[in-house]
Amino acid sequence: MGTSRSRRGRALLAAAGLMLLTGAGPLGAQQSRGGEDREDRTRLEERIRARIGQIMRERLELDSAEEATLSATVREFEARRRELSATEREARRRIDELLEGDVPESEAQALLRQMVEVRAAEADLYREEQARLVEVLGPARVLEFYELRRQIGQRIRAIRERRRGDDDRGPPGPGGAEEGAAVEGGPLER
């Protein structure tokens, strides 16, 4: 049970961090095997959000008002990004279905138009998010914000890659070795 639970914990950590960075969706949207798993995911998500918030607060030197505004802005744009992702996933699912048989030209054209619209909406969303972030942080700190987000994403990807290759290793140390690695150490610490 320990190895299975530690693998699940590492997987949840990587997924949570990635979702937080990309706005791919809340952990609660994943299938759960029970109430305990759901509670574990919720606690893990809260811990990751808190640690990422602490890193952002320290590195960007945010005051309380800036931190609250930045947090609300990030949540708003994450939600909007999730909506666009859901629309794109549905279009891709439909494309996959159509490619299995004969594709009616009218439906193919409609799907192509929808994909262009999604890309345009993503670009608009990025521009709007950037403008709002500049209002809160100013241009220089927005650049640092994006760099921090990139670094956190790199750390999470590295953990996921290690996780794929460490099935033969035993469970991590107390608290989960990878859990701390996702948000501590490496390029994120000064």
Protein backbone atom coordinates (compact mmCIF):
# COMPACT_ATOMS: atom_id res chain seq x y z
CA MET A 1 0.00 0.00 0.00
CA GLY A 2 2.84 2.43 0.76
CA THR A 3 4.32 2.27 -2.74
CA SER A 4 0.93 2.62 -4.42
CA ARG A 5 -0.01 5.52 -2.18
CA SER A 6 3.34 7.28 -2.74
CA ARG A 7 2.98 6.90 -6.52
CA ARG A 8 -0.52 8.29 -6.33
CA GLY A 9 0.73 11.18 -4.19
CA ARG A 10 3.50 12.00 -6.67
CA ALA A 11 1.05 11.79 -9.55
CA LEU A 12 -1.40 14.06 -7.76
CA LEU A 13 1.36 16.54 -6.97
CA ALA A 14 2.49 16.74 -10.57
CA ALA A 15 -1.07 17.01 -11.85
CA ALA A 16 -2.01 19.63 -9.28
CA GLY A 17 0.97 21.78 -10.00
CA LEU A 18 0.53 21.52 -13.72
CA MET A 19 -3.15 22.35 -13.45
CA LEU A 20 -2.41 25.33 -11.27
CA LEU A 21 0.02 26.65 -13.83
CA THR A 22 -1.89 25.94 -16.96
CA GLY A 23 -5.42 26.40 -15.70
CA ALA A 24 -6.31 22.93 -16.91
CA GLY A 25 -8.91 22.41 -14.22
CA PRO A 26 -9.47 21.68 -10.56
CA LEU A 27 -8.34 18.43 -9.09
CA GLY A 28 -11.89 17.67 -8.09
CA ALA A 29 -12.74 17.18 -11.76
CA GLN A 30 -10.66 14.00 -11.84
CA GLN A 31 -12.27 10.66 -11.12
CA SER A 32 -11.90 9.68 -7.50
CA ARG A 33 -11.81 6.25 -5.93
CA GLY A 34 -13.32 7.48 -2.70
CA GLY A 35 -13.81 10.28 -0.23
CA GLU A 36 -10.33 9.86 1.21
CA ASP A 37 -8.68 10.32 -2.20
CA ARG A 38 -10.75 13.45 -2.81
CA GLU A 39 -9.75 14.86 0.59
CA ASP A 40 -6.09 14.03 -0.08
CA ARG A 41 -6.25 15.83 -3.42
CA THR A 42 -7.92 18.84 -1.85
CA ARG A 43 -5.30 19.08 0.90
CA LEU A 44 -2.48 18.61 -1.58
CA GLU A 45 -3.90 21.27 -3.90
CA GLU A 46 -4.20 23.70 -0.98
CA ARG A 47 -0.59 23.04 0.09
CA ILE A 48 0.71 23.53 -3.44
CA ARG A 49 -1.30 26.72 -3.92
CA ALA A 50 -0.02 28.03 -0.59
CA ARG A 51 3.61 27.27 -1.45
CA ILE A 52 3.35 28.75 -4.93
CA GLY A 53 1.66 31.79 -3.40
CA GLN A 54 4.49 32.12 -0.90
CA ILE A 55 7.12 31.92 -3.65
CA MET A 56 5.27 34.51 -5.74
CA ARG A 57 4.76 36.79 -2.73
CA GLU A 58 8.45 36.67 -1.81
CA ARG A 59 9.96 36.87 -5.28
CA LEU A 60 7.60 39.56 -6.58
CA GLU A 61 7.65 41.42 -3.25
CA LEU A 62 3.86 41.70 -3.15
CA ASP A 63 1.97 43.62 -0.52
CA SER A 64 -1.36 42.26 0.77
CA ALA A 65 -3.51 44.21 -1.69
CA GLU A 66 -1.37 43.20 -4.67
CA GLU A 67 -1.39 39.58 -3.57
CA ALA A 68 -5.20 39.52 -3.24
CA THR A 69 -5.69 41.22 -6.61
CA LEU A 70 -3.15 38.95 -8.33
CA SER A 71 -4.77 35.84 -6.84
CA ALA A 72 -8.25 36.91 -7.98
CA THR A 73 -6.93 37.76 -11.46
CA VAL A 74 -5.13 34.42 -11.82
CA ARG A 75 -8.25 32.51 -10.70
CA GLU A 76 -10.45 34.41 -13.16
CA PHE A 77 -8.17 33.71 -16.10
CA GLU A 78 -7.67 30.07 -15.07
CA ALA A 79 -11.43 29.57 -15.19
CA ARG A 80 -11.69 31.18 -18.60
CA ARG A 81 -8.74 29.13 -19.88
CA ARG A 82 -10.43 25.93 -18.64
CA GLU A 83 -13.55 26.84 -20.63
CA LEU A 84 -11.51 27.30 -23.80
CA SER A 85 -9.68 24.03 -23.16
CA ALA A 86 -12.98 22.19 -22.79
CA THR A 87 -14.21 23.64 -26.08
CA GLU A 88 -10.99 22.60 -27.82
CA ARG A 89 -11.08 19.08 -26.32
CA GLU A 90 -14.65 18.63 -27.53
CA ALA A 91 -13.73 19.80 -31.04
CA ARG A 92 -10.73 17.44 -31.10
CA ARG A 93 -12.91 14.57 -29.92
CA ARG A 94 -15.34 15.30 -32.71
CA ILE A 95 -12.50 15.48 -35.25
CA ASP A 96 -11.24 12.07 -34.09
CA GLU A 97 -14.74 10.63 -34.54
CA LEU A 98 -15.08 12.11 -38.01
CA LEU A 99 -11.69 10.84 -39.15
CA GLU A 100 -12.83 7.29 -38.42
CA GLY A 101 -15.31 7.48 -41.32
CA ASP A 102 -16.32 9.74 -44.15
CA VAL A 103 -16.08 13.38 -43.18
CA PRO A 104 -18.91 15.58 -44.46
CA GLU A 105 -17.38 18.74 -45.92
CA SER A 106 -19.79 21.03 -44.07
CA GLU A 107 -18.93 19.50 -40.70
CA ALA A 108 -15.20 19.56 -41.46
CA GLN A 109 -15.48 23.24 -42.35
CA ALA A 110 -17.41 24.00 -39.16
CA LEU A 111 -14.76 22.24 -37.03
CA LEU A 112 -11.92 24.10 -38.75
CA ARG A 113 -13.74 27.39 -38.12
CA GLN A 114 -14.25 26.42 -34.47
CA MET A 115 -10.54 25.66 -34.02
CA VAL A 116 -9.61 29.05 -35.50
CA GLU A 117 -12.10 30.72 -33.15
CA VAL A 118 -10.61 28.91 -30.15
CA ARG A 119 -7.08 30.02 -31.10
CA ALA A 120 -8.26 33.61 -31.54
CA ALA A 121 -10.03 33.49 -28.17
CA GLU A 122 -6.83 32.15 -26.56
CA ALA A 123 -4.83 35.03 -28.02
CA ASP A 124 -7.44 37.55 -26.84
CA LEU A 125 -7.41 35.97 -23.38
CA TYR A 126 -3.62 36.17 -23.20
CA ARG A 127 -3.65 39.85 -24.20
CA GLU A 128 -6.36 40.65 -21.67
CA GLU A 129 -4.60 38.70 -18.90
CA GLN A 130 -1.32 40.44 -19.61
CA ALA A 131 -2.96 43.88 -19.51
CA ARG A 132 -4.63 43.08 -16.17
CA LEU A 133 -1.38 41.73 -14.72
CA VAL A 134 0.45 44.90 -15.79
CA GLU A 135 -2.19 46.95 -13.93
CA VAL A 136 -1.48 44.96 -10.76
CA LEU A 137 2.27 44.33 -10.97
CA GLY A 138 3.75 46.65 -13.56
CA PRO A 139 5.62 45.41 -16.64
CA ALA A 140 8.87 44.30 -14.97
CA ARG A 141 7.15 42.19 -12.32
CA VAL A 142 4.82 40.66 -14.94
CA LEU A 143 7.93 39.41 -16.74
CA GLU A 144 9.20 37.94 -13.46
CA PHE A 145 5.75 36.43 -12.81
CA TYR A 146 5.84 34.68 -16.20
CA GLU A 147 9.38 33.48 -15.53
CA LEU A 148 8.38 32.06 -12.15
CA ARG A 149 5.44 30.31 -13.76
CA ARG A 150 7.77 28.85 -16.41
CA GLN A 151 10.23 27.63 -13.77
CA ILE A 152 7.49 26.01 -11.70
CA GLY A 153 6.20 24.30 -14.84
CA GLN A 154 9.70 22.99 -15.60
CA ARG A 155 10.03 21.59 -12.09
CA ILE A 156 6.68 19.84 -12.35
CA ARG A 157 7.53 18.36 -15.75
CA ALA A 158 10.85 17.08 -14.37
CA ILE A 159 9.03 15.43 -11.47
CA ARG A 160 6.56 13.80 -13.85
CA GLU A 161 9.42 12.48 -16.00
CA ARG A 162 11.22 11.11 -12.94
CA ARG A 163 7.96 9.57 -11.75
CA ARG A 164 7.61 7.65 -15.01
CA GLY A 165 11.02 6.07 -14.48
CA ASP A 166 10.98 5.42 -10.73
CA ASP A 167 8.43 2.61 -10.43
CA ASP A 168 11.22 0.34 -9.15
CA ARG A 169 12.24 2.73 -6.40
CA GLY A 170 10.63 2.49 -3.01
CA PRO A 171 8.36 5.11 -1.50
CA PRO A 172 9.82 8.58 -0.98
CA GLY A 173 10.96 9.77 2.41
CA PRO A 174 8.74 11.37 5.06
CA GLY A 175 6.26 13.76 3.49
CA GLY A 176 7.18 12.50 0.03
CA ALA A 177 10.49 13.50 -1.50
CA GLU A 178 8.95 14.63 -4.76
CA GLU A 179 6.26 16.62 -2.99
CA GLY A 180 8.78 19.09 -1.62
CA ALA A 181 10.82 19.07 -4.82
CA ALA A 182 7.93 20.47 -6.83
CA VAL A 183 8.01 23.77 -5.04
CA GLU A 184 11.25 23.88 -3.07
CA GLY A 185 14.85 23.91 -4.19
CA GLY A 186 16.08 24.30 -7.74
CA PRO A 187 15.72 27.57 -9.63
CA LEU A 188 12.82 28.80 -7.53
CA GLU A 189 14.84 29.36 -4.39
CA ARG A 190 17.06 32.40 -4.10
